[in-house]
C-alpha atoms as a PDB file:
ATOM      1  CA  MET A   1     106.041  88.516 126.167  1.00  0.00           C
ATOM      2  CA  LEU A   2     105.442  90.255 122.817  1.00  0.00           C
ATOM      3  CA  MET A   3     107.712  87.861 120.947  1.00  0.00           C
ATOM      4  CA  LEU A   4     106.119  84.838 122.656  1.00  0.00           C
ATOM      5  CA  THR A   5     102.647  86.066 121.705  1.00  0.00           C
ATOM      6  CA  MET A   6     103.700  86.592 118.096  1.00  0.00           C
ATOM      7  CA  LEU A   7     105.234  83.108 117.913  1.00  0.00           C
ATOM      8  CA  LEU A   8     102.090  81.511 119.276  1.00  0.00           C
ATOM      9  CA  THR A   9      99.983  83.515 116.851  1.00  0.00           C
ATOM     10  CA  LEU A  10     102.068  82.690 113.809  1.00  0.00           C
ATOM     11  CA  SER A  11     101.981  78.956 114.510  1.00  0.00           C
ATOM     12  CA  GLY A  12      98.614  78.976 112.760  1.00  0.00           C
ATOM     13  CA  CYS A  13      99.696  80.838 109.618  1.00  0.00           C
ATOM     14  CA  LYS A  14      99.988  79.321 106.184  1.00  0.00           C
ATOM     15  CA  ALA A  15     103.385  79.287 104.545  1.00  0.00           C
ATOM     16  CA  GLY A  16     104.349  81.827 101.907  1.00  0.00           C
ATOM     17  CA  GLN A  17     107.836  82.610 100.707  1.00  0.00           C
ATOM     18  CA  GLY A  18     109.278  81.741 104.100  1.00  0.00           C
ATOM     19  CA  GLY A  19     108.632  77.987 103.997  1.00  0.00           C
ATOM     20  CA  ASN A  20     106.289  75.408 105.498  1.00  0.00           C
ATOM     21  CA  ASP A  21     105.391  76.640 108.993  1.00  0.00           C
ATOM     22  CA  ALA A  22     101.646  75.906 108.923  1.00  0.00           C
ATOM     23  CA  GLU A  23     100.042  73.834 111.673  1.00  0.00           C
ATOM     24  CA  SER A  24      96.650  75.247 112.569  1.00  0.00           C
ATOM     25  CA  GLU A  25      94.619  78.267 111.497  1.00  0.00           C
ATOM     26  CA  GLY A  26      92.574  78.593 114.674  1.00  0.00           C
ATOM     27  CA  GLU A  27      94.985  80.625 116.779  1.00  0.00           C
ATOM     28  CA  ALA A  28      95.989  82.973 113.934  1.00  0.00           C
ATOM     29  CA  ASN A  29      92.392  83.737 113.014  1.00  0.00           C
ATOM     30  CA  ALA A  30      91.625  84.581 116.622  1.00  0.00           C
ATOM     31  CA  VAL A  31      93.982  87.559 116.443  1.00  0.00           C
ATOM     32  CA  SER A  32      91.609  89.484 114.204  1.00  0.00           C
ATOM     33  CA  GLU A  33      88.847  89.464 116.836  1.00  0.00           C
ATOM     34  CA  GLU A  34      90.907  91.845 119.020  1.00  0.00           C
ATOM     35  CA  GLY A  35      88.092  92.214 121.528  1.00  0.00           C
ATOM     36  CA  PHE A  36      86.053  94.808 119.648  1.00  0.00           C
ATOM     37  CA  ALA A  37      84.264  92.891 116.893  1.00  0.00           C
ATOM     38  CA  PHE A  38      80.991  94.582 115.938  1.00  0.00           C
ATOM     39  CA  LYS A  39      78.044  92.441 117.003  1.00  0.00           C
ATOM     40  CA  GLY A  40      76.024  93.023 113.848  1.00  0.00           C
ATOM     41  CA  ASP A  41      74.534  90.785 111.185  1.00  0.00           C
ATOM     42  CA  TYR A  42      77.687  90.582 109.074  1.00  0.00           C
ATOM     43  CA  ASN A  43      81.364  89.673 109.218  1.00  0.00           C
ATOM     44  CA  ILE A  44      83.470  92.474 107.731  1.00  0.00           C
ATOM     45  CA  PHE A  45      85.902  89.847 106.387  1.00  0.00           C
ATOM     46  CA  ASP A  46      83.199  87.929 104.510  1.00  0.00           C
ATOM     47  CA  ARG A  47      84.199  88.138 100.833  1.00  0.00           C
ATOM     48  CA  SER A  48      80.559  87.733  99.719  1.00  0.00           C
ATOM     49  CA  LEU A  49      79.921  91.307 100.939  1.00  0.00           C
ATOM     50  CA  THR A  50      82.044  92.688  98.110  1.00  0.00           C
ATOM     51  CA  GLU A  51      81.879  90.112  95.326  1.00  0.00           C
ATOM     52  CA  GLY A  52      82.430  91.814  91.965  1.00  0.00           C
ATOM     53  CA  LYS A  53      83.204  95.134  93.647  1.00  0.00           C
ATOM     54  CA  MET A  54      86.341  97.097  94.467  1.00  0.00           C
ATOM     55  CA  ALA A  55      86.866  96.520  98.176  1.00  0.00           C
ATOM     56  CA  VAL A  56      89.245  98.602 100.293  1.00  0.00           C
ATOM     57  CA  TYR A  57      90.032  97.573 103.873  1.00  0.00           C
ATOM     58  CA  TYR A  58      91.615 100.116 106.206  1.00  0.00           C
ATOM     59  CA  LEU A  59      93.039  97.702 108.749  1.00  0.00           C
ATOM     60  CA  CYS A  60      92.922  98.701 112.384  1.00  0.00           C
ATOM     61  CA  SER A  61      96.390  98.889 113.856  1.00  0.00           C
ATOM     62  CA  GLY A  62      97.939  99.611 117.187  1.00  0.00           C
ATOM     63  CA  TYR A  63      99.888  98.152 120.073  1.00  0.00           C
ATOM     64  CA  ASP A  64     101.306  99.401 123.366  1.00  0.00           C
ATOM     65  CA  LEU A  65     105.076  99.836 123.417  1.00  0.00           C
ATOM     66  CA  PRO A  66     106.636  99.753 126.922  1.00  0.00           C
ATOM     67  CA  THR A  67     108.717 102.845 127.735  1.00  0.00           C
ATOM     68  CA  TRP A  68     110.621 104.112 130.760  1.00  0.00           C
ATOM     69  CA  THR A  69     107.631 106.259 131.740  1.00  0.00           C
ATOM     70  CA  GLY A  70     104.852 103.750 131.062  1.00  0.00           C
ATOM     71  CA  THR A  71     103.526 102.818 127.616  1.00  0.00           C
ATOM     72  CA  SER A  72     103.304 104.525 124.251  1.00  0.00           C
ATOM     73  CA  THR A  73     100.553 103.532 121.830  1.00  0.00           C
ATOM     74  CA  GLN A  74     101.919 102.930 118.332  1.00  0.00           C
ATOM     75  CA  GLY A  75     100.185 102.219 115.036  1.00  0.00           C
ATOM     76  CA  GLY A  76     100.851 102.358 111.331  1.00  0.00           C
ATOM     77  CA  ASP A  77      99.254 102.174 107.888  1.00  0.00           C
ATOM     78  CA  ALA A  78      97.919  98.993 106.290  1.00  0.00           C
ATOM     79  CA  ILE A  79      95.369  99.322 103.481  1.00  0.00           C
ATOM     80  CA  LEU A  80      94.202  96.289 101.528  1.00  0.00           C
ATOM     81  CA  PHE A  81      92.658  96.569  98.065  1.00  0.00           C
ATOM     82  CA  ILE A  82      90.741  93.634  96.593  1.00  0.00           C
ATOM     83  CA  LEU A  83      89.924  94.544  93.007  1.00  0.00           C
ATOM     84  CA  PRO A  84      86.815  93.424  91.086  1.00  0.00           C
ATOM     85  CA  ASP A  85      88.793  90.734  89.221  1.00  0.00           C
ATOM     86  CA  GLY A  86      90.216  89.379  92.503  1.00  0.00           C
ATOM     87  CA  THR A  87      93.626  91.067  92.279  1.00  0.00           C
ATOM     88  CA  THR A  88      94.974  91.757  95.783  1.00  0.00           C
ATOM     89  CA  VAL A  89      97.104  94.781  96.704  1.00  0.00           C
ATOM     90  CA  LEU A  90      98.447  95.741 100.144  1.00  0.00           C
ATOM     91  CA  ASN A  91      99.488  99.377 100.604  1.00  0.00           C
ATOM     92  CA  ASP A  92     101.904  99.532 103.570  1.00  0.00           C
ATOM     93  CA  CYS A  93     101.925  97.024 106.418  1.00  0.00           C
ATOM     94  CA  GLY A  94     102.291  98.741 109.778  1.00  0.00           C
ATOM     95  CA  HIS A  95     104.877  98.107 112.494  1.00  0.00           C
ATOM     96  CA  GLN A  96     106.610  94.757 112.894  1.00  0.00           C
ATOM     97  CA  ALA A  97     104.438  94.057 115.939  1.00  0.00           C
ATOM     98  CA  GLU A  98     101.345  94.359 113.730  1.00  0.00           C
ATOM     99  CA  GLY A  99     102.487  91.813 111.143  1.00  0.00           C
ATOM    100  CA  ALA A 100     100.818  88.816 112.795  1.00  0.00           C
ATOM    101  CA  SER A 101      97.466  90.589 113.012  1.00  0.00           C
ATOM    102  CA  ILE A 102      97.637  91.541 109.324  1.00  0.00           C
ATOM    103  CA  VAL A 103      98.468  87.953 108.352  1.00  0.00           C
ATOM    104  CA  ALA A 104      95.460  86.721 110.323  1.00  0.00           C
ATOM    105  CA  LYS A 105      93.129  89.185 108.604  1.00  0.00           C
ATOM    106  CA  LEU A 106      94.449  88.237 105.172  1.00  0.00           C
ATOM    107  CA  GLN A 107      93.772  84.607 106.029  1.00  0.00           C
ATOM    108  CA  LYS A 108      90.226  85.396 107.119  1.00  0.00           C
ATOM    109  CA  LEU A 109      89.717  86.829 103.627  1.00  0.00           C
ATOM    110  CA  GLY A 110      91.154  83.678 102.090  1.00  0.00           C
ATOM    111  CA  ILE A 111      94.239  85.472 100.781  1.00  0.00           C
ATOM    112  CA  GLU A 112      97.311  83.256 100.437  1.00  0.00           C
ATOM    113  CA  LYS A 113      99.033  85.506  97.911  1.00  0.00           C
ATOM    114  CA  LEU A 114      99.266  89.279  97.528  1.00  0.00           C
ATOM    115  CA  ASP A 115      99.580  90.103  93.850  1.00  0.00           C
ATOM    116  CA  HIS A 116     101.142  93.464  94.682  1.00  0.00           C
ATOM    117  CA  PHE A 117     102.610  95.271  97.657  1.00  0.00           C
ATOM    118  CA  ILE A 118     102.946  99.071  97.555  1.00  0.00           C
ATOM    119  CA  LEU A 119     105.253 100.851  99.991  1.00  0.00           C
ATOM    120  CA  SER A 120     104.656 104.558 100.531  1.00  0.00           C
ATOM    121  CA  HIS A 121     108.041 105.179 102.217  1.00  0.00           C
ATOM    122  CA  GLY A 122     110.578 103.413 104.387  1.00  0.00           C
ATOM    123  CA  HIS A 123     109.500 104.255 107.928  1.00  0.00           C
ATOM    124  CA  GLY A 124     108.906 101.425 110.407  1.00  0.00           C
ATOM    125  CA  ASP A 125     105.187 102.112 110.864  1.00  0.00           C
ATOM    126  CA  HIS A 126     104.662 101.522 107.143  1.00  0.00           C
ATOM    127  CA  VAL A 127     107.118  98.720 106.382  1.00  0.00           C
ATOM    128  CA  GLY A 128     107.883  96.945 109.680  1.00  0.00           C
ATOM    129  CA  GLY A 129     105.192  94.277 109.312  1.00  0.00           C
ATOM    130  CA  PHE A 130     106.619  93.096 105.995  1.00  0.00           C
ATOM    131  CA  SER A 131     109.244  90.891 107.664  1.00  0.00           C
ATOM    132  CA  ILE A 132     106.460  88.719 109.113  1.00  0.00           C
ATOM    133  CA  ILE A 133     103.912  88.981 106.314  1.00  0.00           C
ATOM    134  CA  ALA A 134     106.377  87.825 103.650  1.00  0.00           C
ATOM    135  CA  ARG A 135     107.144  84.695 105.673  1.00  0.00           C
ATOM    136  CA  TYR A 136     103.558  83.487 105.463  1.00  0.00           C
ATOM    137  CA  ILE A 137     101.957  85.233 102.469  1.00  0.00           C
ATOM    138  CA  GLU A 138     103.380  85.004  98.958  1.00  0.00           C
ATOM    139  CA  ILE A 139     104.022  88.390  97.333  1.00  0.00           C
ATOM    140  CA  GLY A 140     104.094  88.703  93.563  1.00  0.00           C
ATOM    141  CA  HIS A 141     105.352  92.225  92.866  1.00  0.00           C
ATOM    142  CA  ILE A 142     106.304  95.405  94.704  1.00  0.00           C
ATOM    143  CA  TYR A 143     105.908  99.108  93.839  1.00  0.00           C
ATOM    144  CA  LEU A 144     108.364 101.464  95.580  1.00  0.00           C
ATOM    145  CA  PRO A 145     109.332 105.133  95.701  1.00  0.00           C
ATOM    146  CA  PRO A 146     112.444 106.138  93.717  1.00  0.00           C
ATOM    147  CA  GLU A 147     115.765 104.592  94.705  1.00  0.00           C
ATOM    148  CA  GLU A 148     117.056 107.800  96.295  1.00  0.00           C
ATOM    149  CA  VAL A 149     114.017 107.865  98.589  1.00  0.00           C
ATOM    150  CA  MET A 150     114.476 104.220  99.606  1.00  0.00           C
ATOM    151  CA  ALA A 151     118.159 104.906 100.305  1.00  0.00           C
ATOM    152  CA  ARG A 152     117.073 107.306 103.076  1.00  0.00           C
ATOM    153  CA  SER A 153     114.826 104.716 104.741  1.00  0.00           C
ATOM    154  CA  ALA A 154     114.854 103.994 108.455  1.00  0.00           C
ATOM    155  CA  ARG A 155     116.440 100.733 109.606  1.00  0.00           C
ATOM    156  CA  GLN A 156     113.234  98.788 108.944  1.00  0.00           C
ATOM    157  CA  GLY A 157     113.180 100.071 105.364  1.00  0.00           C
ATOM    158  CA  ILE A 158     116.763  98.975 104.792  1.00  0.00           C
ATOM    159  CA  ASP A 159     115.969  95.540 106.266  1.00  0.00           C
ATOM    160  CA  PHE A 160     112.936  95.378 103.969  1.00  0.00           C
ATOM    161  CA  MET A 161     115.084  95.929 100.876  1.00  0.00           C
ATOM    162  CA  LYS A 162     117.487  93.193 101.961  1.00  0.00           C
ATOM    163  CA  GLN A 163     114.608  90.767 102.505  1.00  0.00           C
ATOM    164  CA  VAL A 164     113.048  91.614  99.145  1.00  0.00           C
ATOM    165  CA  GLU A 165     116.371  90.947  97.421  1.00  0.00           C
ATOM    166  CA  GLU A 166     116.774  87.630  99.243  1.00  0.00           C
ATOM    167  CA  LEU A 167     113.259  86.544  98.260  1.00  0.00           C
ATOM    168  CA  GLY A 168     113.757  87.647  94.668  1.00  0.00           C
ATOM    169  CA  ILE A 169     110.505  89.623  94.500  1.00  0.00           C
ATOM    170  CA  PRO A 170     110.389  91.861  91.391  1.00  0.00           C
ATOM    171  CA  CYS A 171     110.141  95.594  92.142  1.00  0.00           C
ATOM    172  CA  THR A 172     109.201  98.731  90.234  1.00  0.00           C
ATOM    173  CA  ASN A 173     110.256 102.206  91.391  1.00  0.00           C
ATOM    174  CA  VAL A 174     107.654 104.851  90.564  1.00  0.00           C
ATOM    175  CA  SER A 175     107.554 108.632  90.855  1.00  0.00           C
ATOM    176  CA  GLU A 176     105.497 111.684  89.903  1.00  0.00           C
ATOM    177  CA  GLY A 177     103.822 111.325  86.517  1.00  0.00           C
ATOM    178  CA  ASP A 178     104.002 107.535  86.291  1.00  0.00           C
ATOM    179  CA  THR A 179     100.842 105.572  85.543  1.00  0.00           C
ATOM    180  CA  PHE A 180     100.099 101.863  85.712  1.00  0.00           C
ATOM    181  CA  THR A 181      97.168  99.459  85.892  1.00  0.00           C
ATOM    182  CA  LEU A 182      96.282  97.085  88.716  1.00  0.00           C
ATOM    183  CA  GLY A 183      94.217  94.092  87.692  1.00  0.00           C
ATOM    184  CA  LYS A 184      92.055  94.619  84.612  1.00  0.00           C
ATOM    185  CA  ASP A 185      90.191  97.790  85.477  1.00  0.00           C
ATOM    186  CA  VAL A 186      91.945  99.959  88.084  1.00  0.00           C
ATOM    187  CA  ASN A 187      94.112 102.806  86.811  1.00  0.00           C
ATOM    188  CA  VAL A 188      96.761 104.342  89.046  1.00  0.00           C
ATOM    189  CA  LYS A 189      98.470 107.728  88.722  1.00  0.00           C
ATOM    190  CA  VAL A 190     101.469 108.776  90.820  1.00  0.00           C
ATOM    191  CA  TYR A 191     101.595 112.418  92.023  1.00  0.00           C
ATOM    192  CA  ASN A 192     104.514 112.314  94.455  1.00  0.00           C
ATOM    193  CA  PRO A 193     107.498 112.309  94.858  1.00  0.00           C
ATOM    194  CA  PRO A 194     109.202 114.046  91.936  1.00  0.00           C
ATOM    195  CA  ILE A 195     112.425 112.500  90.658  1.00  0.00           C
ATOM    196  CA  GLY A 196     115.375 113.823  92.676  1.00  0.00           C
ATOM    197  CA  PHE A 197     113.139 114.979  95.535  1.00  0.00           C
ATOM    198  CA  GLY A 198     114.481 112.330  97.890  1.00  0.00           C
ATOM    199  CA  THR A 199     118.075 113.550  97.619  1.00  0.00           C
ATOM    200  CA  ASP A 200     117.354 116.725  99.611  1.00  0.00           C
ATOM    201  CA  THR A 201     118.155 115.733 103.191  1.00  0.00           C
ATOM    202  CA  ASN A 202     116.602 118.980 104.464  1.00  0.00           C
ATOM    203  CA  ILE A 203     113.197 117.552 103.520  1.00  0.00           C
ATOM    204  CA  ASN A 204     111.689 114.999 105.904  1.00  0.00           C
ATOM    205  CA  LEU A 205     111.312 111.505 104.432  1.00  0.00           C
ATOM    206  CA  ASN A 206     107.554 111.674 105.074  1.00  0.00           C
ATOM    207  CA  GLU A 207     107.214 114.294 102.344  1.00  0.00           C
ATOM    208  CA  SER A 208     108.714 111.815  99.854  1.00  0.00           C
ATOM    209  CA  SER A 209     105.814 109.386 100.368  1.00  0.00           C
ATOM    210  CA  LEU A 210     104.097 107.983  97.315  1.00  0.00           C
ATOM    211  CA  VAL A 211     100.819 109.759  96.581  1.00  0.00           C
ATOM    212  CA  LEU A 212      98.599 107.586  94.399  1.00  0.00           C
ATOM    213  CA  LYS A 213      95.110 107.935  93.007  1.00  0.00           C
ATOM    214  CA  LEU A 214      93.370 104.674  92.130  1.00  0.00           C
ATOM    215  CA  THR A 215      90.411 105.020  89.771  1.00  0.00           C
ATOM    216  CA  TYR A 216      87.814 102.363  89.013  1.00  0.00           C
ATOM    217  CA  GLY A 217      85.029 103.560  86.738  1.00  0.00           C
ATOM    218  CA  GLU A 218      83.591 106.691  88.341  1.00  0.00           C
ATOM    219  CA  SER A 219      85.075 105.870  91.753  1.00  0.00           C
ATOM    220  CA  SER A 220      88.437 106.976  93.126  1.00  0.00           C
ATOM    221  CA  TYR A 221      90.639 106.428  96.170  1.00  0.00           C
ATOM    222  CA  LEU A 222      93.620 108.585  97.215  1.00  0.00           C
ATOM    223  CA  VAL A 223      96.462 107.188  99.325  1.00  0.00           C
ATOM    224  CA  ASN A 224      99.116 109.633 100.458  1.00  0.00           C
ATOM    225  CA  GLY A 225     101.431 108.061 103.004  1.00  0.00           C
ATOM    226  CA  ASP A 226     102.697 110.607 105.526  1.00  0.00           C
ATOM    227  CA  ILE A 227     102.753 113.787 103.434  1.00  0.00           C
ATOM    228  CA  GLY A 228     101.568 117.011 104.997  1.00  0.00           C
ATOM    229  CA  ASN A 229     101.945 120.762 104.856  1.00  0.00           C
ATOM    230  CA  ASN A 230     104.277 121.461 107.734  1.00  0.00           C
ATOM    231  CA  PRO A 231     107.145 123.898 106.949  1.00  0.00           C
ATOM    232  CA  ASP A 232     109.110 122.351 109.810  1.00  0.00           C
ATOM    233  CA  TYR A 233     109.402 119.242 107.610  1.00  0.00           C
ATOM    234  CA  GLY A 234     111.186 121.272 104.944  1.00  0.00           C
ATOM    235  CA  TYR A 235     108.446 121.367 102.325  1.00  0.00           C
ATOM    236  CA  LYS A 236     104.724 122.094 102.050  1.00  0.00           C
ATOM    237  CA  THR A 237     103.960 119.031  99.954  1.00  0.00           C
ATOM    238  CA  GLU A 238     100.185 119.437  99.881  1.00  0.00           C
ATOM    239  CA  ASP A 239     100.264 123.049  98.697  1.00  0.00           C
ATOM    240  CA  ALA A 240     102.879 122.177  96.058  1.00  0.00           C
ATOM    241  CA  LEU A 241     100.687 119.358  94.713  1.00  0.00           C
ATOM    242  CA  VAL A 242      97.597 121.570  94.642  1.00  0.00           C
ATOM    243  CA  GLU A 243      99.537 124.221  92.714  1.00  0.00           C
ATOM    244  CA  LYS A 244     100.599 121.615  90.142  1.00  0.00           C
ATOM    245  CA  TYR A 245      97.450 119.538  89.821  1.00  0.00           C
ATOM    246  CA  GLY A 246      94.523 121.408  91.351  1.00  0.00           C
ATOM    247  CA  SER A 247      91.202 119.595  90.997  1.00  0.00           C
ATOM    248  CA  GLU A 248      92.886 116.609  89.319  1.00  0.00           C
ATOM    249  CA  LEU A 249      93.613 115.492  92.903  1.00  0.00           C
ATOM    250  CA  LYS A 250      89.893 115.135  93.632  1.00  0.00           C
ATOM    251  CA  ALA A 251      89.023 111.693  94.977  1.00  0.00           C
ATOM    252  CA  ASP A 252      85.886 110.249  96.530  1.00  0.00           C
ATOM    253  CA  VAL A 253      87.774 108.474  99.319  1.00  0.00           C
ATOM    254  CA  SER A 254      90.953 109.893 100.850  1.00  0.00           C
ATOM    255  CA  LYS A 255      93.314 108.566 103.467  1.00  0.00           C
ATOM    256  CA  VAL A 256      94.151 111.239 106.032  1.00  0.00           C
ATOM    257  CA  GLY A 257      97.839 112.159 105.717  1.00  0.00           C
ATOM    258  CA  HIS A 258     100.261 111.098 108.465  1.00  0.00           C
ATOM    259  CA  HIS A 259      97.566 109.379 110.533  1.00  0.00           C
ATOM    260  CA  GLY A 260      95.882 112.701 111.268  1.00  0.00           C
ATOM    261  CA  SER A 261      98.865 113.831 113.319  1.00  0.00           C
ATOM    262  CA  ASP A 262      99.197 117.439 114.477  1.00  0.00           C
ATOM    263  CA  LYS A 263     102.561 117.369 112.664  1.00  0.00           C
ATOM    264  CA  THR A 264     100.733 117.125 109.337  1.00  0.00           C
ATOM    265  CA  LYS A 265      99.084 120.558 109.396  1.00  0.00           C
ATOM    266  CA  SER A 266      96.963 119.736 106.336  1.00  0.00           C
ATOM    267  CA  SER A 267      95.985 122.832 104.384  1.00  0.00           C
ATOM    268  CA  ASP A 268      92.512 124.060 103.472  1.00  0.00           C
ATOM    269  CA  LEU A 269      93.731 124.242  99.868  1.00  0.00           C
ATOM    270  CA  TRP A 270      94.428 120.509  99.957  1.00  0.00           C
ATOM    271  CA  ARG A 271      91.049 119.677 101.469  1.00  0.00           C
ATOM    272  CA  ALA A 272      89.293 121.809  98.841  1.00  0.00           C
ATOM    273  CA  ALA A 273      91.188 120.187  95.970  1.00  0.00           C
ATOM    274  CA  VAL A 274      90.718 116.576  97.081  1.00  0.00           C
ATOM    275  CA  ASP A 275      87.149 117.244  98.281  1.00  0.00           C
ATOM    276  CA  PRO A 276      86.378 113.637  99.287  1.00  0.00           C
ATOM    277  CA  LYS A 277      83.074 112.123 100.296  1.00  0.00           C
ATOM    278  CA  ILE A 278      84.906 109.950 102.822  1.00  0.00           C
ATOM    279  CA  TYR A 279      88.034 110.521 104.938  1.00  0.00           C
ATOM    280  CA  VAL A 280      89.752 107.595 106.660  1.00  0.00           C
ATOM    281  CA  ALA A 281      92.507 108.004 109.256  1.00  0.00           C
ATOM    282  CA  THR A 282      94.573 104.933 110.132  1.00  0.00           C
ATOM    283  CA  THR A 283      95.593 105.455 113.743  1.00  0.00           C
ATOM    284  CA  PRO A 284      95.202 103.730 117.126  1.00  0.00           C
ATOM    285  CA  TYR A 285      93.942 106.966 118.698  1.00  0.00           C
ATOM    286  CA  VAL A 286      92.751 110.384 117.491  1.00  0.00           C
ATOM    287  CA  ARG A 287      96.151 112.029 117.233  1.00  0.00           C
ATOM    288  CA  ASP A 288      94.949 115.589 116.856  1.00  0.00           C
ATOM    289  CA  GLU A 289      91.394 116.811 117.428  1.00  0.00           C
ATOM    290  CA  VAL A 290      91.866 119.978 115.364  1.00  0.00           C
ATOM    291  CA  GLU A 291      92.899 117.986 112.277  1.00  0.00           C
ATOM    292  CA  HIS A 292      89.993 115.584 112.804  1.00  0.00           C
ATOM    293  CA  PHE A 293      87.364 118.304 113.140  1.00  0.00           C
ATOM    294  CA  LYS A 294      88.697 120.169 110.101  1.00  0.00           C
ATOM    295  CA  ASN A 295      87.792 117.063 108.113  1.00  0.00           C
ATOM    296  CA  VAL A 296      84.412 116.706 109.831  1.00  0.00           C
ATOM    297  CA  VAL A 297      83.299 120.260 109.063  1.00  0.00           C
ATOM    298  CA  THR A 298      83.825 119.730 105.327  1.00  0.00           C
ATOM    299  CA  GLY A 299      80.705 117.581 105.436  1.00  0.00           C
ATOM    300  CA  ALA A 300      82.593 114.425 104.482  1.00  0.00           C
ATOM    301  CA  LEU A 301      82.128 111.195 106.397  1.00  0.00           C
ATOM    302  CA  SER A 302      85.166 111.164 108.697  1.00  0.00           C
ATOM    303  CA  LEU A 303      86.194 107.671 109.771  1.00  0.00           C
ATOM    304  CA  THR A 304      89.134 106.569 111.874  1.00  0.00           C
ATOM    305  CA  THR A 305      90.326 103.111 112.822  1.00  0.00           C
ATOM    306  CA  ALA A 306      90.762 104.423 116.377  1.00  0.00           C
ATOM    307  CA  LEU A 307      86.989 104.791 116.751  1.00  0.00           C
ATOM    308  CA  ASP A 308      85.623 102.512 114.041  1.00  0.00           C
ATOM    309  CA  GLY A 309      88.013  99.540 114.028  1.00  0.00           C
ATOM    310  CA  ASP A 310      88.634  97.809 110.702  1.00  0.00           C
ATOM    311  CA  ILE A 311      86.874  99.761 107.961  1.00  0.00           C
ATOM    312  CA  LEU A 312      85.639  98.447 104.602  1.00  0.00           C
ATOM    313  CA  VAL A 313      84.741 100.896 101.809  1.00  0.00           C
ATOM    314  CA  SER A 314      83.550  99.152  98.632  1.00  0.00           C
ATOM    315  CA  THR A 315      82.108 100.285  95.307  1.00  0.00           C
ATOM    316  CA  THR A 316      80.788  98.955  92.000  1.00  0.00           C
ATOM    317  CA  GLY A 317      82.595 101.843  90.310  1.00  0.00           C
ATOM    318  CA  ASP A 318      79.525 104.072  90.058  1.00  0.00           C
ATOM    319  CA  GLY A 319      80.734 106.685  92.544  1.00  0.00           C
ATOM    320  CA  THR A 320      78.661 105.339  95.442  1.00  0.00           C
ATOM    321  CA  TYR A 321      80.122 103.451  98.377  1.00  0.00           C
ATOM    322  CA  GLU A 322      79.076 100.856 100.903  1.00  0.00           C
ATOM    323  CA  VAL A 323      80.806 101.366 104.232  1.00  0.00           C
ATOM    324  CA  TYR A 324      81.150  98.727 106.935  1.00  0.00           C
ATOM    325  CA  VAL A 325      82.779  99.372 110.309  1.00  0.00           C
ATOM    326  CA  SER A 326      83.770  96.688 112.792  1.00  0.00           C
ATOM    327  CA  LYS A 327      83.580  98.730 115.978  1.00  0.00           C
ATOM    328  CA  ASP A 328      80.861 100.740 117.688  1.00  0.00           C
ATOM    329  CA  ARG A 329      81.655 104.349 118.565  1.00  0.00           C
ATOM    330  CA  THR A 330      81.198 104.749 122.287  1.00  0.00           C
ATOM    331  CA  THR A 331      80.907 108.541 122.125  1.00  0.00           C
ATOM    332  CA  ASP A 332      79.595 111.125 119.671  1.00  0.00           C
ATOM    333  CA  TYR A 333      82.242 113.632 120.774  1.00  0.00           C
ATOM    334  CA  TYR A 334      84.170 113.167 117.520  1.00  0.00           C
ATOM    335  CA  GLY A 335      81.007 113.114 115.434  1.00  0.00           C
ATOM    336  CA  THR A 336      78.742 110.262 114.422  1.00  0.00           C
ATOM    337  CA  THR A 337      78.952 108.159 111.276  1.00  0.00           C
ATOM    338  CA  GLY A 338      75.220 107.637 110.778  1.00  0.00           C
ATOM    339  CA  ALA A 339      75.867 103.912 110.451  1.00  0.00           C
ATOM    340  CA  GLU A 340      73.007 101.546 111.215  1.00  0.00           C
ATOM    341  CA  ASN A 341      74.172  98.189 112.512  1.00  0.00           C
ATOM    342  CA  GLY A 342      77.675  99.144 111.381  1.00  0.00           C
ATOM    343  CA  TYR A 343      76.694  99.853 107.777  1.00  0.00           C
ATOM    344  CA  LEU A 344      75.910 102.921 105.677  1.00  0.00           C
ATOM    345  CA  LYS A 345      75.824 103.939 102.045  1.00  0.00           C
ATOM    346  CA  VAL A 346      77.544 107.076 100.745  1.00  0.00           C
ATOM    347  CA  GLU A 347      76.417 108.569  97.446  1.00  0.00           C
END
């Protein structure tokens, strides 16, 4: 049933590197409705909302995986950056089952080509969707963790590398200390992993995730894959980064590490150093209430795709942010956003 649904969905997608499969856009675009569209005065995928701004979409993910005991809800990371000059960057791409939904959302934004794809690490919930996306969306360039980290990837990560080689997409491996520019105006610094870090098999692959800070003017976004501070994973990555970089890690908008999982065990030192105005967790459900409320009590706006659907956080680069959410919260148990008609401004 899942494969049939995906085939029906993808019949409406435009062709990318995979060839000419396009027939109709109607069915593919319908995927992005997903039954929870916010009934406000705007469409979150309307590019006119963010013209001339840096727009960051935290794409809602999640699907039910049948198991012997019922179902297990799965979801991964997929963060889309549209830069002020129009450059498009996708950071991670969820599970394979989420690929069709991501393609549909890219199409709603009028994106036929991704200038860059950034992979945090080679786990299926971060790279699985690539196999579908690359068939229908052209991809210009890829940033990856160091080769020794990619060599430890899960099966989906290994398949990803084979597909990238077959498609001939140019790649750049980056590690701690590297810097590069996206588009004309967005500067990126890499904080993790250090060179050689990925060779230690006693350290969980999550801790080798790319940690990047993207800066545009006075505005900054931190993306951190699945790093955490759990000694059971072989390394307290957050504390180590705080010891090295301290307040340099500060960012206005921060992705919550490892989907806000209780396995992350984020440290107070990390929260104090990053000190964001906005937290965003990409997860189909609130994975751990304690982790969520630790973010809430900092006074930051704490968003999650589980409660708020697709989330758009845009800026002109002046350190203030316009936030749009595509889903109404049905309870204030996890805290309220203060959004009016699905919109709020954060200064």
